[in-house]
Amino acid sequence: RPDITLLIKASETVGRVISRGDIVIYESTVYPGATEEDCVPV
């Protein structure tokens, strides 16, 4: 089963340092929808 634990932790890291107007680009292989459904909410 997909294990996106590291992806979620990386998204948390981004959330702690990001500022208004910034862009977050994901390169990690995921199932379609993971970026916006799993990472963005974090």
PDB file of all heavy atoms in Angstrom:
ATOM      1  N   ARG A   1       0.842  -1.191   0.000  1.00  0.00           N
ATOM      2  CA  ARG A   1       0.000   0.000   0.000  1.00  0.00           C
ATOM      3  C   ARG A   1       0.882   1.247   0.000  1.00  0.00           C
ATOM      4  O   ARG A   1       1.951   1.252   0.609  1.00  0.00           O
ATOM      5  CB  ARG A   1      -0.897   0.012   1.244  1.00  0.00           C
ATOM      6  CG  ARG A   1      -1.906  -1.128   1.298  1.00  0.00           C
ATOM      7  CD  ARG A   1      -2.698  -1.112   2.594  1.00  0.00           C
ATOM      8  NE  ARG A   1      -1.827  -1.169   3.768  1.00  0.00           N
ATOM      9  CZ  ARG A   1      -2.236  -1.536   4.981  1.00  0.00           C
ATOM     10  NH1 ARG A   1      -3.508  -1.868   5.179  1.00  0.00           N
ATOM     11  NH2 ARG A   1      -1.392  -1.553   5.998  1.00  0.00           N
ATOM     12  N   PRO A   2       0.449   2.312  -0.688  1.00  0.00           N
ATOM     13  CA  PRO A   2       1.249   3.542  -0.708  1.00  0.00           C
ATOM     14  C   PRO A   2       1.521   4.061   0.706  1.00  0.00           C
ATOM     15  O   PRO A   2       0.629   4.100   1.553  1.00  0.00           O
ATOM     16  CB  PRO A   2       0.361   4.519  -1.480  1.00  0.00           C
ATOM     17  CG  PRO A   2      -0.481   3.657  -2.353  1.00  0.00           C
ATOM     18  CD  PRO A   2      -0.748   2.415  -1.540  1.00  0.00           C
ATOM     19  N   ASP A   3       2.768   4.449   0.920  1.00  0.00           N
ATOM     20  CA  ASP A   3       3.172   5.031   2.199  1.00  0.00           C
ATOM     21  C   ASP A   3       3.660   6.450   1.927  1.00  0.00           C
ATOM     22  O   ASP A   3       4.789   6.660   1.473  1.00  0.00           O
ATOM     23  CB  ASP A   3       4.281   4.197   2.835  1.00  0.00           C
ATOM     24  CG  ASP A   3       4.734   4.753   4.184  1.00  0.00           C
ATOM     25  OD1 ASP A   3       4.187   5.790   4.612  1.00  0.00           O
ATOM     26  OD2 ASP A   3       5.640   4.160   4.790  1.00  0.00           O
ATOM     27  N   ILE A   4       2.794   7.427   2.175  1.00  0.00           N
ATOM     28  CA  ILE A   4       3.140   8.829   1.895  1.00  0.00           C
ATOM     29  C   ILE A   4       3.524   9.581   3.160  1.00  0.00           C
ATOM     30  O   ILE A   4       3.445  10.808   3.212  1.00  0.00           O
ATOM     31  CB  ILE A   4       1.990   9.550   1.158  1.00  0.00           C
ATOM     32  CG1 ILE A   4       0.707   9.575   2.002  1.00  0.00           C
ATOM     33  CG2 ILE A   4       1.727   8.892  -0.192  1.00  0.00           C
ATOM     34  CD1 ILE A   4      -0.384  10.458   1.407  1.00  0.00           C
ATOM     35  N   THR A   5       3.987   8.833   4.158  1.00  0.00           N
ATOM     36  CA  THR A   5       4.372   9.457   5.432  1.00  0.00           C
ATOM     37  C   THR A   5       5.404  10.564   5.233  1.00  0.00           C
ATOM     38  O   THR A   5       5.270  11.670   5.779  1.00  0.00           O
ATOM     39  CB  THR A   5       4.933   8.403   6.399  1.00  0.00           C
ATOM     40  OG1 THR A   5       3.952   7.386   6.601  1.00  0.00           O
ATOM     41  CG2 THR A   5       5.296   9.038   7.724  1.00  0.00           C
ATOM     42  N   LEU A   6       6.457  10.272   4.462  1.00  0.00           N
ATOM     43  CA  LEU A   6       7.509  11.270   4.242  1.00  0.00           C
ATOM     44  C   LEU A   6       6.975  12.478   3.480  1.00  0.00           C
ATOM     45  O   LEU A   6       7.404  13.616   3.707  1.00  0.00           O
ATOM     46  CB  LEU A   6       8.678  10.638   3.495  1.00  0.00           C
ATOM     47  CG  LEU A   6       9.435   9.531   4.238  1.00  0.00           C
ATOM     48  CD1 LEU A   6      10.517   8.933   3.354  1.00  0.00           C
ATOM     49  CD2 LEU A   6      10.057  10.077   5.522  1.00  0.00           C
ATOM     50  N   LEU A   7       6.050  12.236   2.580  1.00  0.00           N
ATOM     51  CA  LEU A   7       5.456  13.331   1.816  1.00  0.00           C
ATOM     52  C   LEU A   7       4.646  14.253   2.729  1.00  0.00           C
ATOM     53  O   LEU A   7       4.694  15.486   2.600  1.00  0.00           O
ATOM     54  CB  LEU A   7       4.566  12.747   0.718  1.00  0.00           C
ATOM     55  CG  LEU A   7       4.217  13.648  -0.465  1.00  0.00           C
ATOM     56  CD1 LEU A   7       5.466  14.066  -1.216  1.00  0.00           C
ATOM     57  CD2 LEU A   7       3.245  12.943  -1.394  1.00  0.00           C
ATOM     58  N   ILE A   8       3.906  13.662   3.648  1.00  0.00           N
ATOM     59  CA  ILE A   8       3.124  14.456   4.604  1.00  0.00           C
ATOM     60  C   ILE A   8       4.050  15.251   5.517  1.00  0.00           C
ATOM     61  O   ILE A   8       3.819  16.438   5.791  1.00  0.00           O
ATOM     62  CB  ILE A   8       2.194  13.547   5.424  1.00  0.00           C
ATOM     63  CG1 ILE A   8       1.177  12.851   4.502  1.00  0.00           C
ATOM     64  CG2 ILE A   8       1.487  14.340   6.506  1.00  0.00           C
ATOM     65  CD1 ILE A   8       0.317  13.800   3.698  1.00  0.00           C
ATOM     66  N   LYS A   9       5.120  14.607   5.990  1.00  0.00           N
ATOM     67  CA  LYS A   9       6.069  15.309   6.867  1.00  0.00           C
ATOM     68  C   LYS A   9       6.754  16.458   6.125  1.00  0.00           C
ATOM     69  O   LYS A   9       6.981  17.535   6.695  1.00  0.00           O
ATOM     70  CB  LYS A   9       7.106  14.323   7.410  1.00  0.00           C
ATOM     71  CG  LYS A   9       6.544  13.348   8.439  1.00  0.00           C
ATOM     72  CD  LYS A   9       7.632  12.462   9.002  1.00  0.00           C
ATOM     73  CE  LYS A   9       7.087  11.506  10.056  1.00  0.00           C
ATOM     74  NZ  LYS A   9       6.520  12.220  11.228  1.00  0.00           N
ATOM     75  N   ALA A  10       7.084  16.236   4.854  1.00  0.00           N
ATOM     76  CA  ALA A  10       7.700  17.297   4.057  1.00  0.00           C
ATOM     77  C   ALA A  10       6.720  18.451   3.860  1.00  0.00           C
ATOM     78  O   ALA A  10       7.109  19.628   3.888  1.00  0.00           O
ATOM     79  CB  ALA A  10       8.155  16.746   2.704  1.00  0.00           C
ATOM     80  N   SER A  11       5.440  18.119   3.689  1.00  0.00           N
ATOM     81  CA  SER A  11       4.407  19.161   3.545  1.00  0.00           C
ATOM     82  C   SER A  11       4.261  19.956   4.835  1.00  0.00           C
ATOM     83  O   SER A  11       4.033  21.178   4.805  1.00  0.00           O
ATOM     84  CB  SER A  11       3.074  18.518   3.150  1.00  0.00           C
ATOM     85  OG  SER A  11       3.177  17.847   1.905  1.00  0.00           O
ATOM     86  N   GLU A  12       4.391  19.282   5.968  1.00  0.00           N
ATOM     87  CA  GLU A  12       4.360  19.986   7.250  1.00  0.00           C
ATOM     88  C   GLU A  12       5.550  20.949   7.368  1.00  0.00           C
ATOM     89  O   GLU A  12       5.415  22.075   7.865  1.00  0.00           O
ATOM     90  CB  GLU A  12       4.372  18.981   8.398  1.00  0.00           C
ATOM     91  CG  GLU A  12       3.082  18.175   8.524  1.00  0.00           C
ATOM     92  CD  GLU A  12       3.188  17.055   9.536  1.00  0.00           C
ATOM     93  OE1 GLU A  12       4.330  16.745   9.970  1.00  0.00           O
ATOM     94  OE2 GLU A  12       2.148  16.481   9.905  1.00  0.00           O
ATOM     95  N   THR A  13       6.705  20.481   6.901  1.00  0.00           N
ATOM     96  CA  THR A  13       7.890  21.344   6.913  1.00  0.00           C
ATOM     97  C   THR A  13       7.647  22.593   6.068  1.00  0.00           C
ATOM     98  O   THR A  13       7.949  23.716   6.490  1.00  0.00           O
ATOM     99  CB  THR A  13       9.113  20.582   6.377  1.00  0.00           C
ATOM    100  OG1 THR A  13       9.401  19.480   7.247  1.00  0.00           O
ATOM    101  CG2 THR A  13      10.334  21.488   6.290  1.00  0.00           C
ATOM    102  N   VAL A  14       7.100  22.383   4.877  1.00  0.00           N
ATOM    103  CA  VAL A  14       6.791  23.519   4.007  1.00  0.00           C
ATOM    104  C   VAL A  14       5.802  24.461   4.694  1.00  0.00           C
ATOM    105  O   VAL A  14       5.956  25.683   4.659  1.00  0.00           O
ATOM    106  CB  VAL A  14       6.224  23.027   2.654  1.00  0.00           C
ATOM    107  CG1 VAL A  14       5.690  24.224   1.846  1.00  0.00           C
ATOM    108  CG2 VAL A  14       7.280  22.289   1.860  1.00  0.00           C
ATOM    109  N   GLY A  15       4.794  23.896   5.334  1.00  0.00           N
ATOM    110  CA  GLY A  15       3.780  24.707   6.006  1.00  0.00           C
ATOM    111  C   GLY A  15       4.346  25.587   7.102  1.00  0.00           C
ATOM    112  O   GLY A  15       3.797  26.674   7.385  1.00  0.00           O
ATOM    113  N   ARG A  16       5.430  25.149   7.711  1.00  0.00           N
ATOM    114  CA  ARG A  16       6.035  25.940   8.798  1.00  0.00           C
ATOM    115  C   ARG A  16       6.911  27.083   8.288  1.00  0.00           C
ATOM    116  O   ARG A  16       7.260  27.981   9.059  1.00  0.00           O
ATOM    117  CB  ARG A  16       6.851  25.017   9.716  1.00  0.00           C
ATOM    118  CG  ARG A  16       5.993  24.100  10.567  1.00  0.00           C
ATOM    119  CD  ARG A  16       6.823  23.406  11.643  1.00  0.00           C
ATOM    120  NE  ARG A  16       7.728  22.408  11.095  1.00  0.00           N
ATOM    121  CZ  ARG A  16       7.452  21.113  10.937  1.00  0.00           C
ATOM    122  NH1 ARG A  16       6.251  20.658  11.273  1.00  0.00           N
ATOM    123  NH2 ARG A  16       8.333  20.280  10.443  1.00  0.00           N
ATOM    124  N   VAL A  17       7.288  27.047   7.015  1.00  0.00           N
ATOM    125  CA  VAL A  17       8.224  28.064   6.505  1.00  0.00           C
ATOM    126  C   VAL A  17       7.655  28.895   5.362  1.00  0.00           C
ATOM    127  O   VAL A  17       8.231  29.924   4.999  1.00  0.00           O
ATOM    128  CB  VAL A  17       9.546  27.408   6.040  1.00  0.00           C
ATOM    129  CG1 VAL A  17      10.241  26.714   7.198  1.00  0.00           C
ATOM    130  CG2 VAL A  17       9.314  26.425   4.890  1.00  0.00           C
ATOM    131  N   ILE A  18       6.530  28.494   4.814  1.00  0.00           N
ATOM    132  CA  ILE A  18       5.985  29.144   3.625  1.00  0.00           C
ATOM    133  C   ILE A  18       5.427  30.530   3.945  1.00  0.00           C
ATOM    134  O   ILE A  18       4.980  30.798   5.068  1.00  0.00           O
ATOM    135  CB  ILE A  18       4.886  28.248   2.996  1.00  0.00           C
ATOM    136  CG1 ILE A  18       4.576  28.690   1.566  1.00  0.00           C
ATOM    137  CG2 ILE A  18       3.624  28.258   3.859  1.00  0.00           C
ATOM    138  CD1 ILE A  18       3.674  27.722   0.823  1.00  0.00           C
ATOM    139  N   SER A  19       5.463  31.410   2.932  1.00  0.00           N
ATOM    140  CA  SER A  19       4.910  32.762   3.056  1.00  0.00           C
ATOM    141  C   SER A  19       3.914  33.017   1.928  1.00  0.00           C
ATOM    142  O   SER A  19       3.845  32.250   0.959  1.00  0.00           O
ATOM    143  CB  SER A  19       6.033  33.804   2.984  1.00  0.00           C
ATOM    144  OG  SER A  19       6.979  33.611   4.020  1.00  0.00           O
ATOM    145  N   ARG A  20       3.152  34.077   2.048  1.00  0.00           N
ATOM    146  CA  ARG A  20       2.180  34.430   1.014  1.00  0.00           C
ATOM    147  C   ARG A  20       2.876  34.666  -0.327  1.00  0.00           C
ATOM    148  O   ARG A  20       3.925  35.316  -0.386  1.00  0.00           O
ATOM    149  CB  ARG A  20       1.392  35.675   1.415  1.00  0.00           C
ATOM    150  CG  ARG A  20       0.304  35.387   2.433  1.00  0.00           C
ATOM    151  CD  ARG A  20      -0.481  36.639   2.799  1.00  0.00           C
ATOM    152  NE  ARG A  20      -1.649  36.300   3.615  1.00  0.00           N
ATOM    153  CZ  ARG A  20      -1.591  36.075   4.919  1.00  0.00           C
ATOM    154  NH1 ARG A  20      -0.431  36.162   5.547  1.00  0.00           N
ATOM    155  NH2 ARG A  20      -2.699  35.751   5.585  1.00  0.00           N
ATOM    156  N   GLY A  21       2.273  34.121  -1.378  1.00  0.00           N
ATOM    157  CA  GLY A  21       2.815  34.298  -2.721  1.00  0.00           C
ATOM    158  C   GLY A  21       3.787  33.212  -3.147  1.00  0.00           C
ATOM    159  O   GLY A  21       4.226  33.196  -4.306  1.00  0.00           O
ATOM    160  N   ASP A  22       4.128  32.304  -2.245  1.00  0.00           N
ATOM    161  CA  ASP A  22       5.101  31.252  -2.565  1.00  0.00           C
ATOM    162  C   ASP A  22       4.472  30.136  -3.393  1.00  0.00           C
ATOM    163  O   ASP A  22       3.251  29.969  -3.441  1.00  0.00           O
ATOM    164  CB  ASP A  22       5.688  30.652  -1.288  1.00  0.00           C
ATOM    165  CG  ASP A  22       6.595  31.629  -0.545  1.00  0.00           C
ATOM    166  OD1 ASP A  22       6.856  32.718  -1.092  1.00  0.00           O
ATOM    167  OD2 ASP A  22       7.031  31.297   0.575  1.00  0.00           O
ATOM    168  N   ILE A  23       5.349  29.350  -4.038  1.00  0.00           N
ATOM    169  CA  ILE A  23       4.928  28.200  -4.845  1.00  0.00           C
ATOM    170  C   ILE A  23       5.571  26.941  -4.282  1.00  0.00           C
ATOM    171  O   ILE A  23       6.760  26.939  -3.926  1.00  0.00           O
ATOM    172  CB  ILE A  23       5.331  28.380  -6.320  1.00  0.00           C
ATOM    173  CG1 ILE A  23       4.518  29.520  -6.953  1.00  0.00           C
ATOM    174  CG2 ILE A  23       5.108  27.094  -7.112  1.00  0.00           C
ATOM    175  CD1 ILE A  23       4.850  29.779  -8.406  1.00  0.00           C
ATOM    176  N   VAL A  24       4.778  25.868  -4.213  1.00  0.00           N
ATOM    177  CA  VAL A  24       5.275  24.559  -3.777  1.00  0.00           C
ATOM    178  C   VAL A  24       5.129  23.588  -4.947  1.00  0.00           C
ATOM    179  O   VAL A  24       4.029  23.405  -5.474  1.00  0.00           O
ATOM    180  CB  VAL A  24       4.490  24.022  -2.566  1.00  0.00           C
ATOM    181  CG1 VAL A  24       5.126  22.729  -2.066  1.00  0.00           C
ATOM    182  CG2 VAL A  24       4.432  25.061  -1.466  1.00  0.00           C
ATOM    183  N   ILE A  25       6.246  22.984  -5.349  1.00  0.00           N
ATOM    184  CA  ILE A  25       6.244  22.035  -6.461  1.00  0.00           C
ATOM    185  C   ILE A  25       6.587  20.649  -5.917  1.00  0.00           C
ATOM    186  O   ILE A  25       7.574  20.487  -5.197  1.00  0.00           O
ATOM    187  CB  ILE A  25       7.271  22.437  -7.541  1.00  0.00           C
ATOM    188  CG1 ILE A  25       7.017  23.868  -8.018  1.00  0.00           C
ATOM    189  CG2 ILE A  25       7.223  21.454  -8.717  1.00  0.00           C
ATOM    190  CD1 ILE A  25       8.127  24.435  -8.879  1.00  0.00           C
ATOM    191  N   TYR A  26       5.764  19.677  -6.262  1.00  0.00           N
ATOM    192  CA  TYR A  26       6.033  18.291  -5.862  1.00  0.00           C
ATOM    193  C   TYR A  26       6.599  17.518  -7.047  1.00  0.00           C
ATOM    194  O   TYR A  26       6.129  17.644  -8.180  1.00  0.00           O
ATOM    195  CB  TYR A  26       4.753  17.623  -5.354  1.00  0.00           C
ATOM    196  CG  TYR A  26       4.310  18.128  -3.997  1.00  0.00           C
ATOM    197  CD1 TYR A  26       3.480  19.246  -3.896  1.00  0.00           C
ATOM    198  CD2 TYR A  26       4.736  17.515  -2.829  1.00  0.00           C
ATOM    199  CE1 TYR A  26       3.078  19.728  -2.655  1.00  0.00           C
ATOM    200  CE2 TYR A  26       4.346  17.985  -1.584  1.00  0.00           C
ATOM    201  CZ  TYR A  26       3.520  19.091  -1.503  1.00  0.00           C
ATOM    202  OH  TYR A  26       3.127  19.570  -0.276  1.00  0.00           O
ATOM    203  N   GLU A  27       7.632  16.704  -6.752  1.00  0.00           N
ATOM    204  CA  GLU A  27       8.210  15.824  -7.765  1.00  0.00           C
ATOM    205  C   GLU A  27       8.042  14.351  -7.411  1.00  0.00           C
ATOM    206  O   GLU A  27       8.192  13.480  -8.266  1.00  0.00           O
ATOM    207  CB  GLU A  27       9.696  16.134  -7.975  1.00  0.00           C
ATOM    208  CG  GLU A  27       9.966  17.434  -8.699  1.00  0.00           C
ATOM    209  CD  GLU A  27      11.177  17.347  -9.615  1.00  0.00           C
ATOM    210  OE1 GLU A  27      11.785  16.262  -9.705  1.00  0.00           O
ATOM    211  OE2 GLU A  27      11.510  18.360 -10.250  1.00  0.00           O
ATOM    212  N   SER A  28       7.750  14.057  -6.172  1.00  0.00           N
ATOM    213  CA  SER A  28       7.616  12.668  -5.720  1.00  0.00           C
ATOM    214  C   SER A  28       6.482  11.972  -6.463  1.00  0.00           C
ATOM    215  O   SER A  28       5.430  12.557  -6.726  1.00  0.00           O
ATOM    216  CB  SER A  28       7.342  12.633  -4.214  1.00  0.00           C
ATOM    217  OG  SER A  28       8.330  13.347  -3.504  1.00  0.00           O
ATOM    218  N   THR A  29       6.695  10.703  -6.794  1.00  0.00           N
ATOM    219  CA  THR A  29       5.675   9.926  -7.491  1.00  0.00           C
ATOM    220  C   THR A  29       4.506   9.636  -6.554  1.00  0.00           C
ATOM    221  O   THR A  29       4.699   9.152  -5.434  1.00  0.00           O
ATOM    222  CB  THR A  29       6.257   8.599  -7.996  1.00  0.00           C
ATOM    223  OG1 THR A  29       7.372   8.878  -8.855  1.00  0.00           O
ATOM    224  CG2 THR A  29       5.215   7.812  -8.775  1.00  0.00           C
ATOM    225  N   VAL A  30       3.296   9.929  -7.026  1.00  0.00           N
ATOM    226  CA  VAL A  30       2.096   9.738  -6.214  1.00  0.00           C
ATOM    227  C   VAL A  30       0.961   9.252  -7.107  1.00  0.00           C
ATOM    228  O   VAL A  30       1.076   9.236  -8.328  1.00  0.00           O
ATOM    229  CB  VAL A  30       1.664  11.052  -5.523  1.00  0.00           C
ATOM    230  CG1 VAL A  30       2.671  11.462  -4.464  1.00  0.00           C
ATOM    231  CG2 VAL A  30       1.476  12.175  -6.548  1.00  0.00           C
ATOM    232  N   TYR A  31      -0.154   8.850  -6.495  1.00  0.00           N
ATOM    233  CA  TYR A  31      -1.343   8.539  -7.274  1.00  0.00           C
ATOM    234  C   TYR A  31      -2.014   9.851  -7.678  1.00  0.00           C
ATOM    235  O   TYR A  31      -1.861  10.884  -7.011  1.00  0.00           O
ATOM    236  CB  TYR A  31      -2.306   7.661  -6.478  1.00  0.00           C
ATOM    237  CG  TYR A  31      -2.494   8.060  -5.045  1.00  0.00           C
ATOM    238  CD1 TYR A  31      -3.324   9.119  -4.693  1.00  0.00           C
ATOM    239  CD2 TYR A  31      -1.817   7.386  -4.025  1.00  0.00           C
ATOM    240  CE1 TYR A  31      -3.483   9.502  -3.371  1.00  0.00           C
ATOM    241  CE2 TYR A  31      -1.970   7.763  -2.698  1.00  0.00           C
ATOM    242  CZ  TYR A  31      -2.802   8.815  -2.379  1.00  0.00           C
ATOM    243  OH  TYR A  31      -2.951   9.194  -1.070  1.00  0.00           O
ATOM    244  N   PRO A  32      -2.739   9.860  -8.784  1.00  0.00           N
ATOM    245  CA  PRO A  32      -3.409  11.089  -9.213  1.00  0.00           C
ATOM    246  C   PRO A  32      -4.332  11.636  -8.129  1.00  0.00           C
ATOM    247  O   PRO A  32      -5.164  10.923  -7.587  1.00  0.00           O
ATOM    248  CB  PRO A  32      -4.205  10.639 -10.449  1.00  0.00           C
ATOM    249  CG  PRO A  32      -3.459   9.449 -10.959  1.00  0.00           C
ATOM    250  CD  PRO A  32      -2.932   8.753  -9.745  1.00  0.00           C
ATOM    251  N   GLY A  33      -4.137  12.891  -7.815  1.00  0.00           N
ATOM    252  CA  GLY A  33      -4.947  13.547  -6.796  1.00  0.00           C
ATOM    253  C   GLY A  33      -4.237  13.770  -5.479  1.00  0.00           C
ATOM    254  O   GLY A  33      -4.700  14.560  -4.642  1.00  0.00           O
ATOM    255  N   ALA A  34      -3.103  13.106  -5.270  1.00  0.00           N
ATOM    256  CA  ALA A  34      -2.428  13.170  -3.964  1.00  0.00           C
ATOM    257  C   ALA A  34      -1.952  14.577  -3.616  1.00  0.00           C
ATOM    258  O   ALA A  34      -2.038  15.007  -2.460  1.00  0.00           O
ATOM    259  CB  ALA A  34      -1.260  12.188  -3.926  1.00  0.00           C
ATOM    260  N   THR A  35      -1.422  15.296  -4.593  1.00  0.00           N
ATOM    261  CA  THR A  35      -0.899  16.633  -4.310  1.00  0.00           C
ATOM    262  C   THR A  35      -1.976  17.528  -3.708  1.00  0.00           C
ATOM    263  O   THR A  35      -1.786  18.143  -2.652  1.00  0.00           O
ATOM    264  CB  THR A  35      -0.340  17.280  -5.596  1.00  0.00           C
ATOM    265  OG1 THR A  35       0.750  16.485  -6.082  1.00  0.00           O
ATOM    266  CG2 THR A  35       0.139  18.700  -5.316  1.00  0.00           C
ATOM    267  N   GLU A  36      -3.125  17.581  -4.372  1.00  0.00           N
ATOM    268  CA  GLU A  36      -4.168  18.510  -3.939  1.00  0.00           C
ATOM    269  C   GLU A  36      -5.080  17.935  -2.856  1.00  0.00           C
ATOM    270  O   GLU A  36      -5.669  18.687  -2.076  1.00  0.00           O
ATOM    271  CB  GLU A  36      -4.986  18.946  -5.154  1.00  0.00           C
ATOM    272  CG  GLU A  36      -4.154  19.779  -6.135  1.00  0.00           C
ATOM    273  CD  GLU A  36      -4.911  20.173  -7.388  1.00  0.00           C
ATOM    274  OE1 GLU A  36      -5.259  19.273  -8.171  1.00  0.00           O
ATOM    275  OE2 GLU A  36      -5.143  21.378  -7.574  1.00  0.00           O
ATOM    276  N   GLU A  37      -5.192  16.611  -2.797  1.00  0.00           N
ATOM    277  CA  GLU A  37      -6.088  15.998  -1.815  1.00  0.00           C
ATOM    278  C   GLU A  37      -5.388  15.663  -0.500  1.00  0.00           C
ATOM    279  O   GLU A  37      -6.019  15.680   0.563  1.00  0.00           O
ATOM    280  CB  GLU A  37      -6.706  14.727  -2.398  1.00  0.00           C
ATOM    281  CG  GLU A  37      -7.609  14.987  -3.601  1.00  0.00           C
ATOM    282  CD  GLU A  37      -7.976  13.707  -4.332  1.00  0.00           C
ATOM    283  OE1 GLU A  37      -7.697  12.606  -3.795  1.00  0.00           O
ATOM    284  OE2 GLU A  37      -8.533  13.800  -5.440  1.00  0.00           O
ATOM    285  N   ASP A  38      -4.097  15.347  -0.547  1.00  0.00           N
ATOM    286  CA  ASP A  38      -3.376  14.921   0.657  1.00  0.00           C
ATOM    287  C   ASP A  38      -2.359  15.942   1.146  1.00  0.00           C
ATOM    288  O   ASP A  38      -2.240  16.162   2.352  1.00  0.00           O
ATOM    289  CB  ASP A  38      -2.671  13.583   0.397  1.00  0.00           C
ATOM    290  CG  ASP A  38      -3.640  12.459   0.111  1.00  0.00           C
ATOM    291  OD1 ASP A  38      -4.525  12.224   0.943  1.00  0.00           O
ATOM    292  OD2 ASP A  38      -3.522  11.818  -0.948  1.00  0.00           O
ATOM    293  N   CYS A  39      -1.619  16.547   0.215  1.00  0.00           N
ATOM    294  CA  CYS A  39      -0.528  17.438   0.616  1.00  0.00           C
ATOM    295  C   CYS A  39      -0.989  18.869   0.885  1.00  0.00           C
ATOM    296  O   CYS A  39      -0.601  19.482   1.885  1.00  0.00           O
ATOM    297  CB  CYS A  39       0.562  17.435  -0.461  1.00  0.00           C
ATOM    298  SG  CYS A  39       1.298  15.813  -0.752  1.00  0.00           S
ATOM    299  N   VAL A  40      -1.786  19.419  -0.015  1.00  0.00           N
ATOM    300  CA  VAL A  40      -2.227  20.805   0.130  1.00  0.00           C
ATOM    301  C   VAL A  40      -2.950  21.048   1.453  1.00  0.00           C
ATOM    302  O   VAL A  40      -2.671  22.049   2.140  1.00  0.00           O
ATOM    303  CB  VAL A  40      -3.102  21.223  -1.071  1.00  0.00           C
ATOM    304  CG1 VAL A  40      -3.868  22.512  -0.763  1.00  0.00           C
ATOM    305  CG2 VAL A  40      -2.236  21.418  -2.307  1.00  0.00           C
ATOM    306  N   PRO A  41      -3.888  20.172   1.870  1.00  0.00           N
ATOM    307  CA  PRO A  41      -4.541  20.410   3.170  1.00  0.00           C
ATOM    308  C   PRO A  41      -3.565  20.466   4.339  1.00  0.00           C
ATOM    309  O   PRO A  41      -3.798  21.200   5.309  1.00  0.00           O
ATOM    310  CB  PRO A  41      -5.500  19.220   3.303  1.00  0.00           C
ATOM    311  CG  PRO A  41      -5.792  18.802   1.898  1.00  0.00           C
ATOM    312  CD  PRO A  41      -4.503  19.022   1.159  1.00  0.00           C
ATOM    313  N   VAL A  42      -2.467  19.699   4.252  1.00  0.00           N
ATOM    314  CA  VAL A  42      -1.457  19.731   5.317  1.00  0.00           C
ATOM    315  C   VAL A  42      -0.779  21.090   5.355  1.00  0.00           C
ATOM    316  O   VAL A  42      -0.563  21.670   6.435  1.00  0.00           O
ATOM    317  CB  VAL A  42      -0.414  18.604   5.106  1.00  0.00           C
ATOM    318  CG1 VAL A  42       0.733  18.745   6.105  1.00  0.00           C
ATOM    319  CG2 VAL A  42      -1.066  17.240   5.239  1.00  0.00           C
TER     320      VAL A  42
END
